[in-house]
Amino acid sequence: MQQRRRVVVLVLALSLVLTTGCWDRTELNELAIVLASGSDWSEDGQYELSDQIAIPAQLSSGQS
């Protein structure tokens, strides 16, 4: 029983080590972060959605 527990702990520890990493990371300057979202009915009866989005690459370089 104790042997089996050791094997399970070893397999879990190895899976934690092998599955972590940066193989699919997304760089901060490639993201667009939604700060606010709103919805409204337009004058012609259509449903209208709007978002306020911050793009970190433009914020850090001073562009607007």
PDB file of N, CA and C in Angstrom:
ATOM      1  N   MET A   1       0.823  -1.200   0.000  1.00  0.00           N
ATOM      2  CA  MET A   1       0.000   0.000   0.000  1.00  0.00           C
ATOM      3  C   MET A   1       0.867   1.264   0.000  1.00  0.00           C
ATOM      4  N   GLN A   2       1.907   1.250   0.820  1.00  0.00           N
ATOM      5  CA  GLN A   2       2.785   2.415   0.877  1.00  0.00           C
ATOM      6  C   GLN A   2       3.588   2.565  -0.424  1.00  0.00           C
ATOM      7  N   GLN A   3       3.919   1.447  -1.038  1.00  0.00           N
ATOM      8  CA  GLN A   3       4.609   1.476  -2.325  1.00  0.00           C
ATOM      9  C   GLN A   3       3.732   2.142  -3.381  1.00  0.00           C
ATOM     10  N   ARG A   4       2.457   1.803  -3.368  1.00  0.00           N
ATOM     11  CA  ARG A   4       1.522   2.381  -4.340  1.00  0.00           C
ATOM     12  C   ARG A   4       1.386   3.895  -4.120  1.00  0.00           C
ATOM     13  N   ARG A   5       1.346   4.312  -2.887  1.00  0.00           N
ATOM     14  CA  ARG A   5       1.239   5.744  -2.565  1.00  0.00           C
ATOM     15  C   ARG A   5       2.467   6.490  -3.070  1.00  0.00           C
ATOM     16  N   ARG A   6       3.630   5.893  -2.912  1.00  0.00           N
ATOM     17  CA  ARG A   6       4.850   6.536  -3.405  1.00  0.00           C
ATOM     18  C   ARG A   6       4.823   6.685  -4.922  1.00  0.00           C
ATOM     19  N   VAL A   7       4.350   5.662  -5.600  1.00  0.00           N
ATOM     20  CA  VAL A   7       4.270   5.716  -7.055  1.00  0.00           C
ATOM     21  C   VAL A   7       3.290   6.803  -7.483  1.00  0.00           C
ATOM     22  N   VAL A   8       2.149   6.898  -6.824  1.00  0.00           N
ATOM     23  CA  VAL A   8       1.162   7.921  -7.162  1.00  0.00           C
ATOM     24  C   VAL A   8       1.739   9.313  -6.928  1.00  0.00           C
ATOM     25  N   VAL A   9       2.399   9.521  -5.813  1.00  0.00           N
ATOM     26  CA  VAL A   9       3.007  10.815  -5.517  1.00  0.00           C
ATOM     27  C   VAL A   9       4.090  11.139  -6.543  1.00  0.00           C
ATOM     28  N   LEU A  10       4.878  10.161  -6.924  1.00  0.00           N
ATOM     29  CA  LEU A  10       5.931  10.373  -7.911  1.00  0.00           C
ATOM     30  C   LEU A  10       5.337  10.737  -9.275  1.00  0.00           C
ATOM     31  N   VAL A  11       4.294  10.039  -9.678  1.00  0.00           N
ATOM     32  CA  VAL A  11       3.652  10.334 -10.957  1.00  0.00           C
ATOM     33  C   VAL A  11       3.038  11.728 -10.940  1.00  0.00           C
ATOM     34  N   LEU A  12       2.375  12.099  -9.844  1.00  0.00           N
ATOM     35  CA  LEU A  12       1.803  13.438  -9.738  1.00  0.00           C
ATOM     36  C   LEU A  12       2.887  14.512  -9.764  1.00  0.00           C
ATOM     37  N   ALA A  13       3.977  14.294  -9.055  1.00  0.00           N
ATOM     38  CA  ALA A  13       5.068  15.269  -9.040  1.00  0.00           C
ATOM     39  C   ALA A  13       5.676  15.416 -10.435  1.00  0.00           C
ATOM     40  N   LEU A  14       5.876  14.305 -11.132  1.00  0.00           N
ATOM     41  CA  LEU A  14       6.427  14.371 -12.486  1.00  0.00           C
ATOM     42  C   LEU A  14       5.472  15.065 -13.449  1.00  0.00           C
ATOM     43  N   SER A  15       4.185  14.805 -13.302  1.00  0.00           N
ATOM     44  CA  SER A  15       3.228  15.459 -14.204  1.00  0.00           C
ATOM     45  C   SER A  15       3.183  16.959 -13.953  1.00  0.00           C
ATOM     46  N   LEU A  16       3.338  17.390 -12.711  1.00  0.00           N
ATOM     47  CA  LEU A  16       3.382  18.819 -12.425  1.00  0.00           C
ATOM     48  C   LEU A  16       4.611  19.480 -13.047  1.00  0.00           C
ATOM     49  N   VAL A  17       5.728  18.801 -12.977  1.00  0.00           N
ATOM     50  CA  VAL A  17       6.966  19.351 -13.519  1.00  0.00           C
ATOM     51  C   VAL A  17       6.928  19.371 -15.046  1.00  0.00           C
ATOM     52  N   LEU A  18       6.394  18.317 -15.646  1.00  0.00           N
ATOM     53  CA  LEU A  18       6.426  18.214 -17.101  1.00  0.00           C
ATOM     54  C   LEU A  18       5.335  19.017 -17.793  1.00  0.00           C
ATOM     55  N   THR A  19       4.254  19.347 -17.114  1.00  0.00           N
ATOM     56  CA  THR A  19       3.164  20.066 -17.772  1.00  0.00           C
ATOM     57  C   THR A  19       3.232  21.574 -17.579  1.00  0.00           C
ATOM     58  N   THR A  20       4.139  22.064 -16.793  1.00  0.00           N
ATOM     59  CA  THR A  20       4.270  23.510 -16.632  1.00  0.00           C
ATOM     60  C   THR A  20       5.257  24.046 -17.659  1.00  0.00           C
ATOM     61  N   GLY A  21       5.195  25.313 -17.890  1.00  0.00           N
ATOM     62  CA  GLY A  21       6.129  25.916 -18.823  1.00  0.00           C
ATOM     63  C   GLY A  21       5.490  27.022 -19.629  1.00  0.00           C
ATOM     64  N   CYS A  22       6.210  27.485 -20.609  1.00  0.00           N
ATOM     65  CA  CYS A  22       5.776  28.632 -21.403  1.00  0.00           C
ATOM     66  C   CYS A  22       5.572  28.264 -22.860  1.00  0.00           C
ATOM     67  N   TRP A  23       5.250  27.050 -23.165  1.00  0.00           N
ATOM     68  CA  TRP A  23       5.148  26.610 -24.553  1.00  0.00           C
ATOM     69  C   TRP A  23       4.015  27.282 -25.312  1.00  0.00           C
ATOM     70  N   ASP A  24       2.990  27.780 -24.629  1.00  0.00           N
ATOM     71  CA  ASP A  24       1.893  28.441 -25.342  1.00  0.00           C
ATOM     72  C   ASP A  24       1.590  29.815 -24.753  1.00  0.00           C
ATOM     73  N   ARG A  25       2.593  30.450 -24.258  1.00  0.00           N
ATOM     74  CA  ARG A  25       2.383  31.734 -23.599  1.00  0.00           C
ATOM     75  C   ARG A  25       1.937  32.803 -24.597  1.00  0.00           C
ATOM     76  N   THR A  26       1.217  33.768 -24.094  1.00  0.00           N
ATOM     77  CA  THR A  26       0.816  34.928 -24.885  1.00  0.00           C
ATOM     78  C   THR A  26       1.496  36.143 -24.283  1.00  0.00           C
ATOM     79  N   GLU A  27       2.262  36.812 -25.091  1.00  0.00           N
ATOM     80  CA  GLU A  27       2.975  37.986 -24.608  1.00  0.00           C
ATOM     81  C   GLU A  27       1.989  39.095 -24.250  1.00  0.00           C
ATOM     82  N   LEU A  28       2.355  39.909 -23.286  1.00  0.00           N
ATOM     83  CA  LEU A  28       1.493  40.986 -22.836  1.00  0.00           C
ATOM     84  C   LEU A  28       1.179  41.968 -23.954  1.00  0.00           C
ATOM     85  N   ASN A  29       2.143  42.214 -24.824  1.00  0.00           N
ATOM     86  CA  ASN A  29       1.906  43.174 -25.904  1.00  0.00           C
ATOM     87  C   ASN A  29       1.034  42.602 -27.023  1.00  0.00           C
ATOM     88  N   GLU A  30       0.644  41.328 -26.943  1.00  0.00           N
ATOM     89  CA  GLU A  30      -0.252  40.722 -27.921  1.00  0.00           C
ATOM     90  C   GLU A  30      -1.686  40.631 -27.410  1.00  0.00           C
ATOM     91  N   LEU A  31      -1.926  41.083 -26.191  1.00  0.00           N
ATOM     92  CA  LEU A  31      -3.241  40.982 -25.577  1.00  0.00           C
ATOM     93  C   LEU A  31      -4.067  42.243 -25.808  1.00  0.00           C
ATOM     94  N   ALA A  32      -5.356  42.103 -25.714  1.00  0.00           N
ATOM     95  CA  ALA A  32      -6.280  43.230 -25.663  1.00  0.00           C
ATOM     96  C   ALA A  32      -7.172  42.973 -24.453  1.00  0.00           C
ATOM     97  N   ILE A  33      -7.170  43.855 -23.486  1.00  0.00           N
ATOM     98  CA  ILE A  33      -7.878  43.652 -22.224  1.00  0.00           C
ATOM     99  C   ILE A  33      -9.150  44.486 -22.231  1.00  0.00           C
ATOM    100  N   VAL A  34     -10.284  43.831 -22.016  1.00  0.00           N
ATOM    101  CA  VAL A  34     -11.572  44.526 -21.981  1.00  0.00           C
ATOM    102  C   VAL A  34     -11.718  45.178 -20.607  1.00  0.00           C
ATOM    103  N   LEU A  35     -11.827  46.505 -20.583  1.00  0.00           N
ATOM    104  CA  LEU A  35     -11.979  47.245 -19.336  1.00  0.00           C
ATOM    105  C   LEU A  35     -13.440  47.437 -18.969  1.00  0.00           C
ATOM    106  N   ALA A  36     -14.275  47.668 -19.967  1.00  0.00           N
ATOM    107  CA  ALA A  36     -15.696  47.901 -19.716  1.00  0.00           C
ATOM    108  C   ALA A  36     -16.492  47.409 -20.911  1.00  0.00           C
ATOM    109  N   SER A  37     -17.747  47.067 -20.659  1.00  0.00           N
ATOM    110  CA  SER A  37     -18.621  46.595 -21.720  1.00  0.00           C
ATOM    111  C   SER A  37     -20.007  47.168 -21.476  1.00  0.00           C
ATOM    112  N   GLY A  38     -20.702  47.502 -22.558  1.00  0.00           N
ATOM    113  CA  GLY A  38     -22.035  48.072 -22.416  1.00  0.00           C
ATOM    114  C   GLY A  38     -22.953  47.592 -23.520  1.00  0.00           C
ATOM    115  N   SER A  39     -24.250  47.645 -23.266  1.00  0.00           N
ATOM    116  CA  SER A  39     -25.229  47.259 -24.274  1.00  0.00           C
ATOM    117  C   SER A  39     -26.377  48.256 -24.251  1.00  0.00           C
ATOM    118  N   ASP A  40     -26.998  48.444 -25.429  1.00  0.00           N
ATOM    119  CA  ASP A  40     -28.062  49.430 -25.546  1.00  0.00           C
ATOM    120  C   ASP A  40     -28.881  49.120 -26.791  1.00  0.00           C
ATOM    121  N   TRP A  41     -30.087  49.664 -26.837  1.00  0.00           N
ATOM    122  CA  TRP A  41     -30.920  49.582 -28.039  1.00  0.00           C
ATOM    123  C   TRP A  41     -30.654  50.835 -28.860  1.00  0.00           C
ATOM    124  N   SER A  42     -30.381  50.679 -30.138  1.00  0.00           N
ATOM    125  CA  SER A  42     -30.167  51.834 -31.002  1.00  0.00           C
ATOM    126  C   SER A  42     -31.515  52.393 -31.446  1.00  0.00           C
ATOM    127  N   GLU A  43     -31.490  53.530 -32.125  1.00  0.00           N
ATOM    128  CA  GLU A  43     -32.723  54.194 -32.544  1.00  0.00           C
ATOM    129  C   GLU A  43     -33.500  53.384 -33.574  1.00  0.00           C
ATOM    130  N   ASP A  44     -32.794  52.561 -34.346  1.00  0.00           N
ATOM    131  CA  ASP A  44     -33.493  51.751 -35.353  1.00  0.00           C
ATOM    132  C   ASP A  44     -33.907  50.376 -34.820  1.00  0.00           C
ATOM    133  N   GLY A  45     -33.868  50.184 -33.502  1.00  0.00           N
ATOM    134  CA  GLY A  45     -34.347  48.957 -32.876  1.00  0.00           C
ATOM    135  C   GLY A  45     -33.348  47.819 -32.820  1.00  0.00           C
ATOM    136  N   GLN A  46     -32.110  48.083 -33.170  1.00  0.00           N
ATOM    137  CA  GLN A  46     -31.077  47.050 -33.125  1.00  0.00           C
ATOM    138  C   GLN A  46     -30.405  47.056 -31.753  1.00  0.00           C
ATOM    139  N   TYR A  47     -29.961  45.896 -31.334  1.00  0.00           N
ATOM    140  CA  TYR A  47     -29.218  45.751 -30.088  1.00  0.00           C
ATOM    141  C   TYR A  47     -27.769  46.118 -30.358  1.00  0.00           C
ATOM    142  N   GLU A  48     -27.198  47.015 -29.566  1.00  0.00           N
ATOM    143  CA  GLU A  48     -25.861  47.541 -29.805  1.00  0.00           C
ATOM    144  C   GLU A  48     -24.958  47.210 -28.622  1.00  0.00           C
ATOM    145  N   LEU A  49     -23.805  46.627 -28.908  1.00  0.00           N
ATOM    146  CA  LEU A  49     -22.811  46.303 -27.891  1.00  0.00           C
ATOM    147  C   LEU A  49     -21.583  47.176 -28.089  1.00  0.00           C
ATOM    148  N   SER A  50     -20.981  47.605 -27.000  1.00  0.00           N
ATOM    149  CA  SER A  50     -19.742  48.370 -27.104  1.00  0.00           C
ATOM    150  C   SER A  50     -18.788  47.936 -25.993  1.00  0.00           C
ATOM    151  N   ASP A  51     -17.511  47.950 -26.307  1.00  0.00           N
ATOM    152  CA  ASP A  51     -16.466  47.565 -25.360  1.00  0.00           C
ATOM    153  C   ASP A  51     -15.399  48.640 -25.309  1.00  0.00           C
ATOM    154  N   GLN A  52     -14.829  48.805 -24.127  1.00  0.00           N
ATOM    155  CA  GLN A  52     -13.657  49.660 -23.979  1.00  0.00           C
ATOM    156  C   GLN A  52     -12.474  48.719 -23.798  1.00  0.00           C
ATOM    157  N   ILE A  53     -11.530  48.800 -24.711  1.00  0.00           N
ATOM    158  CA  ILE A  53     -10.429  47.844 -24.744  1.00  0.00           C
ATOM    159  C   ILE A  53      -9.112  48.580 -24.568  1.00  0.00           C
ATOM    160  N   ALA A  54      -8.281  48.060 -23.671  1.00  0.00           N
ATOM    161  CA  ALA A  54      -6.916  48.582 -23.488  1.00  0.00           C
ATOM    162  C   ALA A  54      -5.951  47.629 -24.182  1.00  0.00           C
ATOM    163  N   ILE A  55      -5.110  48.179 -25.035  1.00  0.00           N
ATOM    164  CA  ILE A  55      -4.091  47.386 -25.707  1.00  0.00           C
ATOM    165  C   ILE A  55      -2.754  47.776 -25.089  1.00  0.00           C
ATOM    166  N   PRO A  56      -2.174  46.891 -24.265  1.00  0.00           N
ATOM    167  CA  PRO A  56      -0.961  47.246 -23.519  1.00  0.00           C
ATOM    168  C   PRO A  56       0.199  47.702 -24.392  1.00  0.00           C
ATOM    169  N   ALA A  57       0.326  47.186 -25.589  1.00  0.00           N
ATOM    170  CA  ALA A  57       1.438  47.613 -26.459  1.00  0.00           C
ATOM    171  C   ALA A  57       1.330  49.096 -26.800  1.00  0.00           C
ATOM    172  N   GLN A  58       0.115  49.584 -26.996  1.00  0.00           N
ATOM    173  CA  GLN A  58      -0.070  51.001 -27.313  1.00  0.00           C
ATOM    174  C   GLN A  58       0.021  51.869 -26.058  1.00  0.00           C
ATOM    175  N   LEU A  59      -0.369  51.331 -24.923  1.00  0.00           N
ATOM    176  CA  LEU A  59      -0.278  52.104 -23.683  1.00  0.00           C
ATOM    177  C   LEU A  59       1.170  52.355 -23.279  1.00  0.00           C
ATOM    178  N   SER A  60       2.017  51.347 -23.438  1.00  0.00           N
ATOM    179  CA  SER A  60       3.413  51.490 -22.996  1.00  0.00           C
ATOM    180  C   SER A  60       4.223  52.389 -23.925  1.00  0.00           C
ATOM    181  N   SER A  61       3.830  52.477 -25.204  1.00  0.00           N
ATOM    182  CA  SER A  61       4.597  53.300 -26.125  1.00  0.00           C
ATOM    183  C   SER A  61       4.068  54.729 -26.226  1.00  0.00           C
ATOM    184  N   GLY A  62       2.961  55.018 -25.539  1.00  0.00           N
ATOM    185  CA  GLY A  62       2.418  56.360 -25.550  1.00  0.00           C
ATOM    186  C   GLY A  62       1.496  56.661 -26.699  1.00  0.00           C
ATOM    187  N   GLN A  63       1.173  55.665 -27.519  1.00  0.00           N
ATOM    188  CA  GLN A  63       0.240  55.880 -28.638  1.00  0.00           C
ATOM    189  C   GLN A  63      -1.178  55.859 -28.120  1.00  0.00           C
ATOM    190  N   SER A  64      -2.102  56.449 -28.872  1.00  0.00           N
ATOM    191  CA  SER A  64      -3.512  56.398 -28.476  1.00  0.00           C
ATOM    192  C   SER A  64      -4.385  55.947 -29.620  1.00  0.00           C
TER     193      SER A  64
END
